[in-house]
Amino acid sequence: MKAMETLQDLIEEAKVQTLWWAICIFGIAYFLSHKKTSISYALCVTPSTHEVEFRWKVRPVRRPTYLSQLQKKQLSLDDPRISPLPTAPRWRRKTDSPLVEAAVDDFINKILQDFLVDLWYSAITPDKEAPDQVHMLIKDVIGEISGRIKQINLVDLLTRSFILLYFLLSVSRRSFRGLWQGSWLLS
C-alpha cells in the first residue's frame, strides 16, 4: 500500500473504501433478501443485525408427477415393441409410373432437406428417423392423391367444365355489351 502524500490521495482512498463497503452491504442485503419481497427490507435489517443464525433448510419431499412416472415407463430404442419404418411402399402401387415416382421422391427430398433438416431439425438432434417418417407420410399422401386422380373420369370432367365455362363467358359477354352500349345509364 502506498503512502498518502496529498489530500487528493486521501479522497481517492475514501472513495474506494466507500464503494467497497457499499458493494459489500448491497451484496449481503441481496443474499439476505433472496426469499424476501424486496431488497429494501434487507438493507434496513442488515446494519442493525448483530446475530447470525445458520439453519439447514429441510426441503419437502415432492410427490412424483405424472411425467416422471411416464419417464420410468419409457421404452428403450432396442425394444422389439417399437415398430420399424414400414417396408412396403404403398404409394408406389398408386402411382404406377417410375418417372413420376423418381420426380416425387427428388422433390420431397429437396423440400425436406431445405426446410426441415438443414433449417432447424439437425440443430436439435442428429436422429434421422423423424425426417424419414415425414418423407414416408408425404409419399403416402401424394400416392393417395394420385390414386384418386386416376379414378376421375376425365371426359366427363372436361365436358362439364367446358359447358360451365361457355355459359359463364356468354353471361359476362352480354353484361359487358350492355355496359358499353350505355343501357345501364338509361335505367
Protein backbone atom coordinates (compact mmCIF):
# COMPACT_ATOMS: atom_id res chain seq x y z
CA MET A 1 0.00 0.00 0.00
CA LYS A 2 1.42 3.36 -0.93
CA ALA A 3 1.73 6.24 1.46
CA MET A 4 -0.78 9.09 1.31
CA GLU A 5 1.08 12.11 0.12
CA THR A 6 -1.66 14.60 -0.64
CA LEU A 7 -5.24 15.36 0.24
CA GLN A 8 -6.26 14.12 -3.22
CA ASP A 9 -4.82 10.65 -2.44
CA LEU A 10 -6.83 10.59 0.80
CA ILE A 11 -10.05 11.50 -1.06
CA GLU A 12 -9.42 8.79 -3.68
CA GLU A 13 -8.83 6.19 -0.96
CA ALA A 14 -12.06 7.27 0.78
CA LYS A 15 -13.97 6.86 -2.48
CA VAL A 16 -12.55 3.37 -2.98
CA GLN A 17 -13.33 2.33 0.60
CA THR A 18 -16.87 3.76 0.40
CA LEU A 19 -17.53 1.97 -2.87
CA TRP A 20 -16.14 -1.27 -1.41
CA TRP A 21 -18.37 -1.05 1.65
CA ALA A 22 -21.41 -0.16 -0.47
CA ILE A 23 -20.83 -3.22 -2.68
CA CYS A 24 -20.40 -5.45 0.38
CA ILE A 25 -23.54 -4.15 2.10
CA PHE A 26 -25.55 -4.42 -1.12
CA GLY A 27 -24.29 -7.98 -1.67
CA ILE A 28 -25.14 -9.06 1.87
CA ALA A 29 -28.55 -7.40 1.56
CA TYR A 30 -29.13 -9.23 -1.71
CA PHE A 31 -28.36 -12.61 -0.16
CA LEU A 32 -30.48 -11.85 2.89
CA SER A 33 -33.41 -10.74 0.75
CA HIS A 34 -33.33 -13.76 -1.50
CA LYS A 35 -36.59 -15.02 -0.03
CA LYS A 36 -37.97 -11.62 0.99
CA THR A 37 -40.24 -9.48 -1.11
CA SER A 38 -37.76 -6.69 -1.66
CA ILE A 39 -34.11 -5.81 -1.10
CA SER A 40 -35.03 -2.64 0.84
CA TYR A 41 -36.15 -4.82 3.78
CA ALA A 42 -32.74 -6.47 3.94
CA LEU A 43 -30.94 -3.14 3.58
CA CYS A 44 -32.78 -1.84 6.60
CA VAL A 45 -32.16 -5.00 8.59
CA THR A 46 -28.50 -5.52 7.64
CA PRO A 47 -26.78 -2.73 9.61
CA SER A 48 -28.77 -3.38 12.80
CA THR A 49 -28.46 -7.18 12.85
CA HIS A 50 -25.74 -8.43 15.18
CA GLU A 51 -26.79 -12.06 15.43
CA VAL A 52 -26.22 -14.58 12.73
CA GLU A 53 -28.08 -17.86 12.77
CA PHE A 54 -27.42 -20.74 10.45
CA ARG A 55 -30.07 -23.41 9.97
CA TRP A 56 -30.34 -26.18 7.47
CA LYS A 57 -33.47 -25.91 5.46
CA VAL A 58 -35.40 -29.15 5.21
CA ARG A 59 -36.82 -29.47 1.77
CA PRO A 60 -40.26 -31.03 1.46
CA VAL A 61 -40.44 -34.32 -0.38
CA ARG A 62 -42.06 -33.84 -3.74
CA ARG A 63 -44.65 -36.28 -4.91
CA PRO A 64 -43.79 -37.84 -8.24
CA THR A 65 -45.53 -36.17 -11.14
CA TYR A 66 -47.26 -37.91 -13.98
CA LEU A 67 -44.40 -37.12 -16.35
CA SER A 68 -41.81 -38.63 -14.02
CA GLN A 69 -43.87 -41.81 -13.85
CA LEU A 70 -44.02 -41.91 -17.65
CA GLN A 71 -40.27 -41.41 -17.83
CA LYS A 72 -39.78 -44.59 -15.82
CA LYS A 73 -42.03 -46.47 -18.24
CA GLN A 74 -40.32 -45.14 -21.39
CA LEU A 75 -39.26 -47.85 -23.82
CA SER A 76 -35.67 -48.19 -24.94
CA LEU A 77 -34.76 -47.89 -28.61
CA ASP A 78 -33.88 -51.60 -28.74
CA ASP A 79 -37.32 -52.70 -27.53
CA PRO A 80 -38.95 -55.06 -30.06
CA ARG A 81 -42.35 -53.47 -29.43
CA ILE A 82 -41.22 -50.34 -31.26
CA SER A 83 -42.09 -50.90 -34.88
CA PRO A 84 -39.55 -50.05 -37.57
CA LEU A 85 -40.36 -47.97 -40.63
CA PRO A 86 -42.88 -49.62 -42.96
CA THR A 87 -41.05 -51.63 -45.60
CA ALA A 88 -43.74 -51.97 -48.26
CA PRO A 89 -44.23 -48.63 -50.04
CA ARG A 90 -47.97 -48.31 -50.60
CA TRP A 91 -47.62 -45.12 -52.61
CA ARG A 92 -45.76 -46.84 -55.46
CA ARG A 93 -48.77 -49.07 -56.15
CA LYS A 94 -50.96 -46.00 -56.57
CA THR A 95 -48.73 -44.05 -58.96
CA ASP A 96 -47.60 -46.91 -61.27
CA SER A 97 -45.04 -44.71 -63.02
CA PRO A 98 -41.29 -44.90 -62.33
CA LEU A 99 -40.75 -41.45 -63.84
CA VAL A 100 -43.35 -39.85 -61.57
CA GLU A 101 -42.05 -41.80 -58.58
CA ALA A 102 -38.49 -40.56 -59.14
CA ALA A 103 -39.63 -36.95 -59.63
CA VAL A 104 -41.81 -37.03 -56.49
CA ASP A 105 -39.01 -38.64 -54.49
CA ASP A 106 -36.47 -35.99 -55.58
CA PHE A 107 -38.93 -33.16 -54.93
CA ILE A 108 -39.76 -34.39 -51.42
CA ASN A 109 -36.07 -34.95 -50.61
CA LYS A 110 -35.19 -31.39 -51.64
CA ILE A 111 -38.09 -29.87 -49.70
CA LEU A 112 -37.34 -31.84 -46.54
CA GLN A 113 -33.60 -31.20 -46.77
CA ASP A 114 -34.04 -27.43 -47.26
CA PHE A 115 -36.92 -26.72 -44.91
CA LEU A 116 -36.70 -29.41 -42.24
CA VAL A 117 -33.30 -30.99 -41.81
CA ASP A 118 -30.94 -28.14 -42.75
CA LEU A 119 -33.07 -25.34 -41.36
CA TRP A 120 -33.80 -26.46 -37.80
CA TYR A 121 -34.07 -30.22 -37.21
CA SER A 122 -30.36 -31.06 -37.41
CA ALA A 123 -29.64 -28.40 -34.77
CA ILE A 124 -31.97 -30.20 -32.36
CA THR A 125 -30.98 -33.82 -32.86
CA PRO A 126 -28.85 -35.96 -35.18
CA ASP A 127 -31.68 -38.51 -35.38
CA LYS A 128 -32.86 -39.26 -38.92
CA GLU A 129 -35.95 -41.30 -38.04
CA ALA A 130 -38.42 -38.39 -37.88
CA PRO A 131 -37.44 -36.90 -41.29
CA ASP A 132 -37.72 -40.40 -42.78
CA GLN A 133 -41.20 -40.80 -41.32
CA VAL A 134 -42.23 -37.36 -42.62
CA HIS A 135 -40.84 -38.40 -46.02
CA MET A 136 -42.91 -41.61 -46.00
CA LEU A 137 -46.01 -39.71 -44.87
CA ILE A 138 -45.73 -37.18 -47.68
CA LYS A 139 -45.18 -40.00 -50.18
CA ASP A 140 -48.33 -41.75 -48.90
CA VAL A 141 -50.35 -38.53 -49.23
CA ILE A 142 -49.11 -37.94 -52.79
CA GLY A 143 -49.81 -41.59 -53.63
CA GLU A 144 -53.37 -41.25 -52.31
CA ILE A 145 -53.92 -38.08 -54.33
CA SER A 146 -52.53 -39.82 -57.41
CA GLY A 147 -54.85 -42.80 -56.90
CA ARG A 148 -57.88 -40.52 -56.58
CA ILE A 149 -56.92 -38.54 -59.68
CA LYS A 150 -56.75 -41.80 -61.64
CA GLN A 151 -60.34 -42.56 -60.65
CA ILE A 152 -61.66 -39.30 -62.14
CA ASN A 153 -63.49 -39.58 -65.46
CA LEU A 154 -61.53 -37.04 -67.50
CA VAL A 155 -64.02 -36.83 -70.38
CA ASP A 156 -66.93 -36.10 -68.05
CA LEU A 157 -64.89 -33.52 -66.12
CA LEU A 158 -63.79 -31.67 -69.24
CA THR A 159 -67.27 -31.75 -70.77
CA ARG A 160 -68.85 -30.27 -67.66
CA SER A 161 -66.06 -27.73 -67.33
CA PHE A 162 -66.34 -26.55 -70.94
CA ILE A 163 -70.14 -26.22 -70.71
CA LEU A 164 -69.83 -24.21 -67.49
CA LEU A 165 -67.05 -22.08 -68.97
CA TYR A 166 -69.12 -21.37 -72.12
CA PHE A 167 -72.13 -20.39 -70.01
CA LEU A 168 -70.07 -18.02 -67.81
CA LEU A 169 -68.39 -16.41 -70.81
CA SER A 170 -71.71 -15.82 -72.61
CA VAL A 171 -73.26 -14.25 -69.49
CA SER A 172 -70.26 -11.99 -68.94
CA ARG A 173 -70.17 -11.04 -72.67
CA ARG A 174 -73.83 -9.97 -72.54
CA SER A 175 -73.20 -7.99 -69.35
CA PHE A 176 -70.23 -6.16 -70.82
CA ARG A 177 -72.10 -5.46 -74.07
CA GLY A 178 -74.90 -3.87 -72.05
CA LEU A 179 -72.41 -1.75 -70.13
CA TRP A 180 -70.62 -0.48 -73.23
CA GLN A 181 -73.83 0.37 -75.08
CA GLY A 182 -74.86 2.67 -72.27
CA SER A 183 -78.04 0.79 -71.32
CA TRP A 184 -77.08 0.99 -67.67
CA LEU A 185 -77.18 4.83 -67.88
CA LEU A 186 -80.79 4.89 -69.10
CA SER A 187 -82.27 2.71 -66.39
